[in-house]
């Protein structure tokens, strides 16, 4: 009996000392307020259902901003080439654009920053 308790104690001690996997950084949330928040959501490489949902939110947010912009009385001019680029590639470019100037772009309102990027990336001639 004493030997069994010693083996259990040794096993528990060994498990406690075993190196653990490094914690994954917390995934961005879908509480997107700034261009930095949107860029973080859009640059995920999903490894979980939550991250996949966040990436889908990013794409839906972008589509919603573009559709709302088109219905505006004074829309931001954005002209897509034909064929249009893939949305996923464009959102990666957006994330890089935000990262290139975090001093100003990161803190802009998400929709404003996104429309600035889109009008610069796809200007109308």
N, C-alpha and C. Protein backbone atom coordinates (compact mmCIF):
# COMPACT_ATOMS: atom_id res chain seq x y z
N UNK A 1 0.82 -1.19 0.00
CA UNK A 1 0.00 0.00 0.00
C UNK A 1 0.87 1.26 0.00
N UNK A 2 1.90 1.25 0.85
CA UNK A 2 2.79 2.40 0.94
C UNK A 2 3.53 2.61 -0.37
N UNK A 3 3.92 1.49 -1.01
CA UNK A 3 4.63 1.60 -2.28
C UNK A 3 3.72 2.20 -3.35
N UNK A 4 2.45 1.85 -3.37
CA UNK A 4 1.49 2.40 -4.33
C UNK A 4 1.34 3.89 -4.15
N UNK A 5 1.25 4.33 -2.91
CA UNK A 5 1.13 5.77 -2.63
C UNK A 5 2.37 6.52 -3.08
N UNK A 6 3.53 5.91 -2.88
CA UNK A 6 4.78 6.55 -3.32
C UNK A 6 4.84 6.67 -4.84
N UNK A 7 4.37 5.62 -5.55
CA UNK A 7 4.36 5.67 -7.02
C UNK A 7 3.40 6.74 -7.52
N UNK A 8 2.23 6.85 -6.90
CA UNK A 8 1.26 7.87 -7.29
C UNK A 8 1.83 9.26 -7.04
N UNK A 9 2.45 9.44 -5.90
CA UNK A 9 3.05 10.74 -5.57
C UNK A 9 4.16 11.08 -6.55
N UNK A 10 4.97 10.09 -6.92
CA UNK A 10 6.05 10.33 -7.87
C UNK A 10 5.49 10.69 -9.25
N UNK A 11 4.42 10.03 -9.65
CA UNK A 11 3.80 10.33 -10.96
C UNK A 11 3.24 11.74 -10.98
N UNK A 12 2.59 12.12 -9.90
CA UNK A 12 2.01 13.48 -9.82
C UNK A 12 3.13 14.52 -9.86
N UNK A 13 4.20 14.26 -9.13
CA UNK A 13 5.33 15.19 -9.10
C UNK A 13 5.96 15.30 -10.49
N UNK A 14 6.10 14.18 -11.19
CA UNK A 14 6.69 14.20 -12.53
C UNK A 14 5.81 14.98 -13.50
N UNK A 15 4.50 14.83 -13.39
CA UNK A 15 3.58 15.56 -14.26
C UNK A 15 3.65 17.06 -13.99
N UNK A 16 3.79 17.40 -12.74
CA UNK A 16 3.84 18.82 -12.37
C UNK A 16 5.11 19.48 -12.89
N UNK A 17 6.18 18.72 -13.00
CA UNK A 17 7.44 19.27 -13.45
C UNK A 17 7.63 19.19 -14.96
N UNK A 18 6.76 18.44 -15.64
CA UNK A 18 6.89 18.29 -17.10
C UNK A 18 6.63 19.62 -17.77
N UNK A 19 7.41 19.93 -18.80
CA UNK A 19 7.17 21.19 -19.50
C UNK A 19 5.80 21.16 -20.18
N UNK A 20 5.09 22.25 -20.06
CA UNK A 20 3.78 22.33 -20.70
C UNK A 20 3.92 23.01 -22.05
N UNK A 21 2.92 22.81 -22.90
CA UNK A 21 2.91 23.47 -24.20
C UNK A 21 2.79 24.97 -23.98
N UNK A 22 3.48 25.77 -24.78
CA UNK A 22 3.31 27.21 -24.63
C UNK A 22 1.87 27.60 -24.96
N UNK A 23 1.36 28.51 -24.20
CA UNK A 23 -0.02 28.95 -24.42
C UNK A 23 -0.11 29.71 -25.74
N UNK A 24 -1.17 29.44 -26.48
CA UNK A 24 -1.45 30.16 -27.71
C UNK A 24 -1.94 31.55 -27.35
N UNK A 25 -1.51 32.56 -28.08
CA UNK A 25 -2.03 33.90 -27.78
C UNK A 25 -3.55 33.92 -27.94
N UNK A 26 -4.18 34.73 -27.16
CA UNK A 26 -5.64 34.83 -27.24
C UNK A 26 -6.06 35.32 -28.62
N UNK A 27 -7.09 34.71 -29.16
CA UNK A 27 -7.60 35.11 -30.46
C UNK A 27 -8.28 36.47 -30.35
N UNK A 28 -8.20 37.27 -31.40
CA UNK A 28 -8.93 38.54 -31.37
C UNK A 28 -10.42 38.27 -31.18
N UNK A 29 -11.12 39.24 -30.70
CA UNK A 29 -12.56 39.07 -30.52
C UNK A 29 -13.28 39.66 -31.72
N UNK A 30 -14.58 39.47 -31.75
CA UNK A 30 -15.37 40.09 -32.81
C UNK A 30 -15.88 41.46 -32.38
N UNK A 31 -15.34 41.97 -31.31
CA UNK A 31 -15.65 43.33 -30.87
C UNK A 31 -14.73 44.28 -31.61
N UNK A 32 -15.05 44.51 -32.88
CA UNK A 32 -14.19 45.30 -33.76
C UNK A 32 -14.62 46.77 -33.72
N UNK A 33 -13.72 47.60 -33.25
CA UNK A 33 -13.99 49.04 -33.22
C UNK A 33 -13.01 49.80 -34.10
N UNK A 34 -11.75 49.37 -34.10
CA UNK A 34 -10.71 50.10 -34.81
C UNK A 34 -10.19 49.31 -35.99
N UNK A 35 -9.46 49.99 -36.86
CA UNK A 35 -8.82 49.30 -37.98
C UNK A 35 -7.83 48.26 -37.47
N UNK A 36 -7.19 48.52 -36.34
CA UNK A 36 -6.29 47.55 -35.74
C UNK A 36 -7.02 46.29 -35.31
N UNK A 37 -8.21 46.46 -34.72
CA UNK A 37 -9.04 45.31 -34.34
C UNK A 37 -9.41 44.49 -35.57
N UNK A 38 -9.83 45.19 -36.62
CA UNK A 38 -10.24 44.50 -37.84
C UNK A 38 -9.05 43.79 -38.48
N UNK A 39 -7.90 44.44 -38.51
CA UNK A 39 -6.70 43.83 -39.09
C UNK A 39 -6.32 42.57 -38.31
N UNK A 40 -6.42 42.61 -37.00
CA UNK A 40 -6.09 41.43 -36.19
C UNK A 40 -7.05 40.29 -36.51
N UNK A 41 -8.33 40.59 -36.64
CA UNK A 41 -9.32 39.56 -36.96
C UNK A 41 -9.09 39.00 -38.36
N UNK A 42 -8.69 39.85 -39.28
CA UNK A 42 -8.55 39.45 -40.68
C UNK A 42 -7.24 38.73 -40.98
N UNK A 43 -6.31 38.78 -40.07
CA UNK A 43 -5.01 38.15 -40.34
C UNK A 43 -4.86 36.81 -39.63
N UNK A 44 -5.93 36.32 -39.04
CA UNK A 44 -5.87 35.02 -38.36
C UNK A 44 -5.65 33.88 -39.34
N UNK A 45 -4.90 32.91 -38.89
CA UNK A 45 -4.78 31.62 -39.57
C UNK A 45 -5.55 30.67 -38.66
N UNK A 46 -6.83 30.44 -38.92
CA UNK A 46 -7.68 29.76 -37.94
C UNK A 46 -7.22 28.34 -37.59
N UNK A 47 -7.13 28.10 -36.29
CA UNK A 47 -6.78 26.78 -35.77
C UNK A 47 -7.87 26.26 -34.84
N UNK A 48 -8.97 27.01 -34.73
CA UNK A 48 -10.08 26.59 -33.88
C UNK A 48 -11.37 27.11 -34.48
N UNK A 49 -12.48 26.60 -33.98
CA UNK A 49 -13.79 27.07 -34.46
C UNK A 49 -13.98 28.55 -34.16
N UNK A 50 -13.51 28.99 -33.00
CA UNK A 50 -13.64 30.40 -32.64
C UNK A 50 -12.86 31.29 -33.61
N UNK A 51 -11.64 30.90 -33.93
CA UNK A 51 -10.83 31.70 -34.85
C UNK A 51 -11.42 31.68 -36.26
N UNK A 52 -11.98 30.55 -36.66
CA UNK A 52 -12.63 30.48 -37.96
C UNK A 52 -13.83 31.42 -38.00
N UNK A 53 -14.58 31.47 -36.91
CA UNK A 53 -15.73 32.38 -36.82
C UNK A 53 -15.28 33.84 -36.88
N UNK A 54 -14.17 34.16 -36.24
CA UNK A 54 -13.65 35.53 -36.25
C UNK A 54 -13.22 35.92 -37.67
N UNK A 55 -12.57 35.01 -38.37
CA UNK A 55 -12.16 35.28 -39.75
C UNK A 55 -13.38 35.48 -40.64
N UNK A 56 -14.41 34.69 -40.44
CA UNK A 56 -15.66 34.88 -41.20
C UNK A 56 -16.30 36.22 -40.86
N UNK A 57 -16.22 36.62 -39.60
CA UNK A 57 -16.75 37.93 -39.21
C UNK A 57 -16.02 39.03 -39.96
N UNK A 58 -14.71 38.90 -40.06
CA UNK A 58 -13.90 39.88 -40.79
C UNK A 58 -14.42 40.05 -42.21
N UNK A 59 -14.62 38.93 -42.90
CA UNK A 59 -15.10 38.99 -44.28
C UNK A 59 -16.50 39.59 -44.37
N UNK A 60 -17.37 39.23 -43.45
CA UNK A 60 -18.72 39.79 -43.44
C UNK A 60 -18.71 41.28 -43.13
N UNK A 61 -17.86 41.68 -42.21
CA UNK A 61 -17.74 43.10 -41.86
C UNK A 61 -17.32 43.89 -43.10
N UNK A 62 -16.31 43.40 -43.79
CA UNK A 62 -15.81 44.08 -44.99
C UNK A 62 -16.90 44.19 -46.05
N UNK A 63 -17.62 43.10 -46.28
CA UNK A 63 -18.69 43.11 -47.27
C UNK A 63 -19.78 44.11 -46.88
N UNK A 64 -20.12 44.15 -45.60
CA UNK A 64 -21.13 45.08 -45.13
C UNK A 64 -20.71 46.53 -45.30
N UNK A 65 -19.46 46.83 -45.02
CA UNK A 65 -18.95 48.20 -45.19
C UNK A 65 -19.02 48.59 -46.66
N UNK A 66 -18.61 47.69 -47.55
CA UNK A 66 -18.63 48.00 -48.98
C UNK A 66 -20.06 48.21 -49.50
N UNK A 67 -20.99 47.37 -49.07
CA UNK A 67 -22.37 47.53 -49.52
C UNK A 67 -23.00 48.80 -48.98
N UNK A 68 -22.71 49.11 -47.73
CA UNK A 68 -23.22 50.35 -47.14
C UNK A 68 -22.62 51.55 -47.86
N UNK A 69 -21.36 51.49 -48.19
CA UNK A 69 -20.69 52.56 -48.92
C UNK A 69 -21.35 52.78 -50.28
N UNK A 70 -21.67 51.71 -50.97
CA UNK A 70 -22.30 51.82 -52.29
C UNK A 70 -23.66 52.50 -52.22
N UNK A 71 -24.37 52.35 -51.11
CA UNK A 71 -25.70 52.94 -50.95
C UNK A 71 -25.66 54.37 -50.41
N UNK A 72 -24.48 54.83 -50.05
CA UNK A 72 -24.33 56.16 -49.47
C UNK A 72 -24.58 57.23 -50.53
N UNK A 73 -25.04 58.39 -50.08
CA UNK A 73 -25.24 59.52 -51.00
C UNK A 73 -23.91 60.03 -51.54
N UNK A 74 -22.86 59.90 -50.75
CA UNK A 74 -21.52 60.31 -51.19
C UNK A 74 -20.55 59.14 -50.95
N UNK A 75 -20.63 58.12 -51.79
CA UNK A 75 -19.79 56.94 -51.56
C UNK A 75 -18.31 57.22 -51.81
N UNK A 76 -17.48 56.50 -51.08
CA UNK A 76 -16.04 56.50 -51.34
C UNK A 76 -15.85 55.78 -52.66
N UNK A 77 -15.07 56.36 -53.56
CA UNK A 77 -14.87 55.76 -54.88
C UNK A 77 -13.92 54.57 -54.79
N UNK A 78 -14.44 53.42 -55.16
CA UNK A 78 -13.66 52.17 -55.19
C UNK A 78 -14.02 51.46 -56.49
N UNK A 79 -13.01 51.16 -57.29
CA UNK A 79 -13.25 50.50 -58.58
C UNK A 79 -12.43 49.21 -58.64
N UNK A 80 -13.13 48.09 -58.66
CA UNK A 80 -12.46 46.79 -58.71
C UNK A 80 -12.08 46.43 -60.13
N UNK A 81 -10.93 45.78 -60.30
CA UNK A 81 -10.57 45.29 -61.63
C UNK A 81 -11.45 44.09 -61.98
N UNK A 82 -11.41 43.70 -63.22
CA UNK A 82 -12.15 42.51 -63.64
C UNK A 82 -11.14 41.51 -64.18
N UNK A 83 -10.95 40.40 -63.58
CA UNK A 83 -11.69 39.86 -62.43
C UNK A 83 -11.22 40.49 -61.12
N UNK A 84 -12.15 40.56 -60.19
CA UNK A 84 -11.85 41.13 -58.87
C UNK A 84 -10.93 40.17 -58.10
N UNK A 85 -10.07 40.71 -57.25
CA UNK A 85 -9.19 39.84 -56.45
C UNK A 85 -9.99 39.07 -55.41
N UNK A 86 -9.40 38.03 -54.88
CA UNK A 86 -10.05 37.27 -53.82
C UNK A 86 -10.14 38.12 -52.57
N UNK A 87 -11.26 38.01 -51.89
CA UNK A 87 -11.48 38.78 -50.67
C UNK A 87 -10.41 38.45 -49.63
N UNK A 88 -10.07 37.18 -49.49
CA UNK A 88 -9.08 36.79 -48.47
C UNK A 88 -7.73 37.46 -48.72
N UNK A 89 -7.32 37.54 -49.98
CA UNK A 89 -6.05 38.20 -50.30
C UNK A 89 -6.13 39.70 -50.02
N UNK A 90 -7.25 40.30 -50.33
CA UNK A 90 -7.43 41.73 -50.08
C UNK A 90 -7.40 42.03 -48.58
N UNK A 91 -8.00 41.16 -47.78
CA UNK A 91 -8.02 41.40 -46.34
C UNK A 91 -6.63 41.22 -45.72
N UNK A 92 -5.83 40.32 -46.28
CA UNK A 92 -4.44 40.19 -45.83
C UNK A 92 -3.67 41.47 -46.17
N UNK A 93 -3.91 42.01 -47.37
CA UNK A 93 -3.28 43.28 -47.76
C UNK A 93 -3.71 44.39 -46.81
N UNK A 94 -4.98 44.42 -46.45
CA UNK A 94 -5.48 45.42 -45.51
C UNK A 94 -4.73 45.32 -44.17
N UNK A 95 -4.57 44.10 -43.68
CA UNK A 95 -3.86 43.90 -42.41
C UNK A 95 -2.43 44.41 -42.49
N UNK A 96 -1.77 44.16 -43.60
CA UNK A 96 -0.39 44.66 -43.79
C UNK A 96 -0.38 46.18 -43.88
N UNK A 97 -1.37 46.75 -44.54
CA UNK A 97 -1.49 48.21 -44.68
C UNK A 97 -1.61 48.85 -43.30
N UNK A 98 -2.43 48.27 -42.44
CA UNK A 98 -2.59 48.80 -41.08
C UNK A 98 -1.26 48.68 -40.32
N UNK A 99 -0.62 47.53 -40.45
CA UNK A 99 0.64 47.29 -39.73
C UNK A 99 1.76 48.23 -40.19
N UNK A 100 1.69 48.70 -41.43
CA UNK A 100 2.73 49.57 -41.97
C UNK A 100 2.71 50.96 -41.35
N UNK A 101 1.60 51.35 -40.73
CA UNK A 101 1.50 52.68 -40.12
C UNK A 101 0.59 52.59 -38.90
N UNK A 102 1.05 51.86 -37.89
CA UNK A 102 0.20 51.66 -36.71
C UNK A 102 -0.06 52.94 -35.93
N UNK A 103 0.79 53.94 -36.10
CA UNK A 103 0.62 55.18 -35.34
C UNK A 103 -0.72 55.85 -35.65
N UNK A 104 -1.17 55.80 -36.89
CA UNK A 104 -2.43 56.45 -37.23
C UNK A 104 -3.50 55.45 -37.67
N UNK A 105 -3.14 54.51 -38.50
CA UNK A 105 -4.15 53.61 -39.08
C UNK A 105 -4.78 52.69 -38.04
N UNK A 106 -3.99 52.22 -37.11
CA UNK A 106 -4.47 51.23 -36.15
C UNK A 106 -5.63 51.76 -35.31
N UNK A 107 -5.62 53.04 -34.99
CA UNK A 107 -6.63 53.59 -34.10
C UNK A 107 -7.84 54.20 -34.83
N UNK A 108 -7.80 54.21 -36.15
CA UNK A 108 -8.95 54.74 -36.90
C UNK A 108 -10.17 53.85 -36.71
N UNK A 109 -11.33 54.42 -36.87
CA UNK A 109 -12.56 53.64 -36.87
C UNK A 109 -12.42 52.55 -37.93
N UNK A 110 -12.83 51.34 -37.63
CA UNK A 110 -12.61 50.20 -38.53
C UNK A 110 -13.15 50.45 -39.93
N UNK A 111 -14.37 50.92 -40.04
CA UNK A 111 -14.97 51.14 -41.36
C UNK A 111 -14.27 52.26 -42.12
N UNK A 112 -13.87 53.31 -41.43
CA UNK A 112 -13.16 54.42 -42.06
C UNK A 112 -11.80 53.97 -42.58
N UNK A 113 -11.06 53.27 -41.75
CA UNK A 113 -9.75 52.77 -42.17
C UNK A 113 -9.88 51.81 -43.35
N UNK A 114 -10.88 50.94 -43.30
CA UNK A 114 -11.07 49.98 -44.38
C UNK A 114 -11.40 50.68 -45.69
N UNK A 115 -12.26 51.68 -45.66
CA UNK A 115 -12.60 52.41 -46.89
C UNK A 115 -11.41 53.20 -47.42
N UNK A 116 -10.58 53.75 -46.53
CA UNK A 116 -9.37 54.44 -46.99
C UNK A 116 -8.45 53.46 -47.71
N UNK A 117 -8.27 52.29 -47.12
CA UNK A 117 -7.44 51.27 -47.76
C UNK A 117 -8.00 50.89 -49.12
N UNK A 118 -9.29 50.61 -49.17
CA UNK A 118 -9.90 50.14 -50.41
C UNK A 118 -9.83 51.19 -51.52
N UNK A 119 -10.05 52.45 -51.18
CA UNK A 119 -10.00 53.49 -52.21
C UNK A 119 -8.58 53.71 -52.70
N UNK A 120 -7.59 53.50 -51.84
CA UNK A 120 -6.20 53.59 -52.26
C UNK A 120 -5.74 52.39 -53.04
N UNK A 121 -6.24 51.23 -52.66
CA UNK A 121 -5.85 49.98 -53.33
C UNK A 121 -6.55 49.80 -54.67
N UNK A 122 -7.80 50.27 -54.76
CA UNK A 122 -8.60 50.12 -55.98
C UNK A 122 -9.16 51.48 -56.40
N UNK A 123 -8.26 52.40 -56.79
CA UNK A 123 -8.72 53.75 -57.16
C UNK A 123 -9.46 53.72 -58.50
N UNK A 124 -10.33 54.69 -58.66
CA UNK A 124 -11.03 54.83 -59.95
C UNK A 124 -10.22 55.78 -60.81
N UNK A 125 -10.00 55.43 -62.08
CA UNK A 125 -9.20 56.30 -62.95
C UNK A 125 -10.03 57.35 -63.61
